[in-house]
Amino acid sequence: MKTKDIVLIASFSAMWTVLQIYLGPIVGRFSIGPLSFHGTVNRVVGWLLMTVLAEQTTGFGKITLMAVIAALGTRPIRGNILEGIIVGVGYAFGGLIFDVLINLKSQRGRGFYTLVSIVSGLSASIPYIASKIYFLGFSGFMMASPAYIFSIAKGVFFSILGSSLGSGVNASLRYLKKAYS
């Protein structure tokens, strides 16, 4: 791992953690009808930073490491510690899946990042959904499943939004690199 990689991982993990700690509780209080913005900061910022890191570094493990560090940094602010741990495992797992998929292909466009964001965004929800099935039982979970389906769709939407913003940042970085090279 190069020094540049370590600096980017540390900086992006810190940025993700700080933005979630300070903006997450504020943004999470807002809702428009049935759409709650709880979890939005983690999804948008996390997937934005994963997308930028994917273009600025090469090799497997860097995105996973950033996601694990950010998950560890953001979990202590949760009121319910068990739920915080489960959600943190989800973000780390989403980062791992993003890392695996992004390293399958060297030429990546917006469409590829959208696909990776859908799959990794869904993956990030697996530990939370599994815990709900465990605690509610299958029949209880099935009764509440419309709310969980909506929550998963919202999470995937904000993951795609973050990745799209990250693609825009990457385009700007490529332009700056050309202009100042």
Protein backbone atom coordinates (compact mmCIF):
# COMPACT_ATOMS: atom_id res chain seq x y z
CA MET A 1 0.00 0.00 0.00
CA LYS A 2 1.37 3.39 -1.01
CA THR A 3 1.53 6.44 1.24
CA LYS A 4 -1.06 8.15 -0.99
CA ASP A 5 -3.46 5.23 -0.43
CA ILE A 6 -3.03 5.39 3.36
CA VAL A 7 -3.59 9.15 3.39
CA LEU A 8 -6.73 8.86 1.23
CA ILE A 9 -8.15 6.04 3.34
CA ALA A 10 -7.48 7.94 6.57
CA SER A 11 -8.84 11.23 5.21
CA PHE A 12 -11.93 9.70 3.65
CA SER A 13 -12.68 7.57 6.74
CA ALA A 14 -12.39 10.68 8.91
CA MET A 15 -14.56 12.71 6.54
CA TRP A 16 -17.25 10.00 6.44
CA THR A 17 -17.19 9.66 10.24
CA VAL A 18 -17.29 13.40 10.99
CA LEU A 19 -20.04 14.11 8.46
CA GLN A 20 -22.15 11.27 9.85
CA ILE A 21 -21.60 12.28 13.48
CA TYR A 22 -22.47 15.94 12.90
CA LEU A 23 -24.88 15.92 9.93
CA GLY A 24 -26.48 12.48 10.35
CA PRO A 25 -28.61 13.36 13.40
CA ILE A 26 -29.68 16.67 11.83
CA VAL A 27 -30.55 15.33 8.37
CA GLY A 28 -32.04 12.17 9.88
CA ARG A 29 -34.75 14.19 11.63
CA PHE A 30 -36.22 15.42 8.35
CA SER A 31 -38.91 13.59 6.48
CA ILE A 32 -41.15 14.29 3.53
CA GLY A 33 -44.34 12.31 4.00
CA PRO A 34 -43.31 8.68 4.51
CA LEU A 35 -39.74 9.37 3.34
CA SER A 36 -37.44 9.68 6.33
CA PHE A 37 -33.92 10.90 5.70
CA HIS A 38 -32.51 8.71 8.50
CA GLY A 39 -29.33 7.05 7.20
CA THR A 40 -29.06 9.36 4.20
CA VAL A 41 -25.75 10.95 5.17
CA ASN A 42 -24.09 7.54 5.61
CA ARG A 43 -25.31 6.35 2.23
CA VAL A 44 -24.60 9.47 0.19
CA VAL A 45 -21.24 10.32 1.76
CA GLY A 46 -20.10 6.70 2.02
CA TRP A 47 -20.84 5.76 -1.58
CA LEU A 48 -19.49 9.08 -2.86
CA LEU A 49 -16.18 8.47 -1.06
CA MET A 50 -16.03 4.81 -2.13
CA THR A 51 -16.46 5.90 -5.76
CA VAL A 52 -13.74 8.55 -5.51
CA LEU A 53 -11.37 6.18 -3.69
CA ALA A 54 -11.94 3.52 -6.36
CA GLU A 55 -10.64 5.89 -9.04
CA GLN A 56 -7.78 7.32 -6.99
CA THR A 57 -6.30 4.01 -5.82
CA THR A 58 -5.87 0.55 -7.26
CA GLY A 59 -6.14 -2.90 -5.76
CA PHE A 60 -8.45 -4.72 -3.43
CA GLY A 61 -8.95 -3.84 0.23
CA LYS A 62 -8.72 -0.07 0.34
CA ILE A 63 -12.45 0.59 0.06
CA THR A 64 -13.20 -2.18 2.54
CA LEU A 65 -10.71 -0.71 5.02
CA MET A 66 -12.24 2.76 4.67
CA ALA A 67 -15.76 1.38 5.18
CA VAL A 68 -14.73 -0.63 8.26
CA ILE A 69 -12.99 2.38 9.84
CA ALA A 70 -15.99 4.62 9.13
CA ALA A 71 -18.39 1.99 10.50
CA LEU A 72 -16.36 1.73 13.70
CA GLY A 73 -16.19 5.51 14.00
CA THR A 74 -19.89 6.15 13.50
CA ARG A 75 -21.42 3.37 15.61
CA PRO A 76 -20.82 4.81 19.11
CA ILE A 77 -23.26 7.68 18.42
CA ARG A 78 -26.19 5.29 18.09
CA GLY A 79 -28.69 5.19 20.95
CA ASN A 80 -29.25 1.46 20.55
CA ILE A 81 -25.80 -0.14 20.64
CA LEU A 82 -26.91 -3.52 19.23
CA GLU A 83 -28.69 -1.89 16.30
CA GLY A 84 -25.65 0.34 15.77
CA ILE A 85 -23.36 -2.67 15.57
CA ILE A 86 -25.68 -4.47 13.15
CA VAL A 87 -25.96 -1.39 10.91
CA GLY A 88 -22.17 -0.88 11.12
CA VAL A 89 -21.59 -4.45 9.99
CA GLY A 90 -23.90 -3.65 7.07
CA TYR A 91 -21.86 -0.61 6.02
CA ALA A 92 -18.64 -2.60 6.29
CA PHE A 93 -20.20 -5.43 4.24
CA GLY A 94 -21.47 -2.93 1.65
CA GLY A 95 -17.93 -1.55 1.39
CA LEU A 96 -16.52 -5.06 0.94
CA ILE A 97 -18.99 -5.86 -1.84
CA PHE A 98 -18.27 -2.49 -3.51
CA ASP A 99 -14.54 -3.27 -3.30
CA VAL A 100 -14.93 -6.77 -4.77
CA LEU A 101 -17.13 -5.63 -7.65
CA ILE A 102 -15.12 -2.52 -8.50
CA ASN A 103 -11.94 -4.59 -8.80
CA LEU A 104 -13.51 -6.91 -11.38
CA LYS A 105 -13.27 -4.27 -14.10
CA SER A 106 -10.61 -1.66 -14.89
CA GLN A 107 -12.69 0.46 -17.31
CA ARG A 108 -15.56 1.84 -15.27
CA GLY A 109 -18.31 4.16 -16.41
CA ARG A 110 -21.34 5.63 -14.67
CA GLY A 111 -23.43 2.59 -15.59
CA PHE A 112 -20.96 0.25 -13.93
CA TYR A 113 -20.84 2.41 -10.81
CA THR A 114 -24.65 2.44 -10.72
CA LEU A 115 -24.73 -1.36 -10.89
CA VAL A 116 -22.06 -1.66 -8.19
CA SER A 117 -24.00 0.81 -6.02
CA ILE A 118 -27.22 -1.17 -6.39
CA VAL A 119 -25.58 -4.47 -5.43
CA SER A 120 -23.45 -3.03 -2.60
CA GLY A 121 -26.37 -0.88 -1.38
CA LEU A 122 -28.55 -3.99 -1.16
CA SER A 123 -25.71 -5.87 0.54
CA ALA A 124 -25.38 -3.16 3.19
CA SER A 125 -28.99 -3.85 4.20
CA ILE A 126 -28.56 -7.61 4.68
CA PRO A 127 -27.37 -7.62 8.33
CA TYR A 128 -30.17 -5.23 9.38
CA ILE A 129 -32.85 -7.26 7.59
CA ALA A 130 -31.44 -10.53 8.99
CA SER A 131 -31.63 -9.06 12.52
CA LYS A 132 -35.25 -8.03 11.95
CA ILE A 133 -36.14 -11.54 10.78
CA TYR A 134 -34.41 -12.97 13.86
CA PHE A 135 -36.04 -10.61 16.38
CA LEU A 136 -39.53 -10.44 14.83
CA GLY A 137 -39.72 -13.99 13.55
CA PHE A 138 -40.57 -14.72 9.95
CA SER A 139 -44.30 -13.98 10.24
CA GLY A 140 -43.68 -10.72 12.12
CA PHE A 141 -41.10 -9.72 9.55
CA MET A 142 -43.48 -10.49 6.68
CA MET A 143 -46.14 -8.25 8.25
CA ALA A 144 -43.64 -5.39 8.49
CA SER A 145 -41.93 -6.16 5.17
CA PRO A 146 -43.48 -3.25 3.21
CA ALA A 147 -41.70 -0.82 5.53
CA TYR A 148 -38.42 -2.73 5.20
CA ILE A 149 -38.72 -2.92 1.41
CA PHE A 150 -39.24 0.85 1.32
CA SER A 151 -36.23 1.34 3.63
CA ILE A 152 -34.02 -0.85 1.42
CA ALA A 153 -35.14 0.98 -1.73
CA LYS A 154 -34.40 4.32 -0.06
CA GLY A 155 -30.94 3.11 0.98
CA VAL A 156 -30.16 1.89 -2.53
CA PHE A 157 -31.41 5.18 -4.03
CA PHE A 158 -29.13 7.22 -1.77
CA SER A 159 -26.21 4.84 -2.47
CA ILE A 160 -26.71 5.45 -6.21
CA LEU A 161 -26.95 9.21 -5.57
CA GLY A 162 -23.67 9.14 -3.62
CA SER A 163 -21.94 7.12 -6.34
CA SER A 164 -23.24 9.51 -9.02
CA LEU A 165 -21.89 12.48 -7.09
CA GLY A 166 -18.61 10.61 -6.69
CA SER A 167 -18.45 10.08 -10.46
CA GLY A 168 -18.84 13.84 -10.87
CA VAL A 169 -16.01 14.45 -8.41
CA ASN A 170 -13.84 11.97 -10.32
CA ALA A 171 -14.55 13.79 -13.61
CA SER A 172 -13.49 17.07 -11.99
CA LEU A 173 -10.34 15.46 -10.60
CA ARG A 174 -9.44 14.07 -14.04
CA TYR A 175 -9.93 17.54 -15.55
CA LEU A 176 -7.75 19.16 -12.88
CA LYS A 177 -5.07 16.53 -13.33
CA LYS A 178 -4.95 17.20 -17.08
CA ALA A 179 -5.01 20.97 -16.61
CA TYR A 180 -2.13 20.99 -14.12
CA SER A 181 0.02 18.22 -15.60
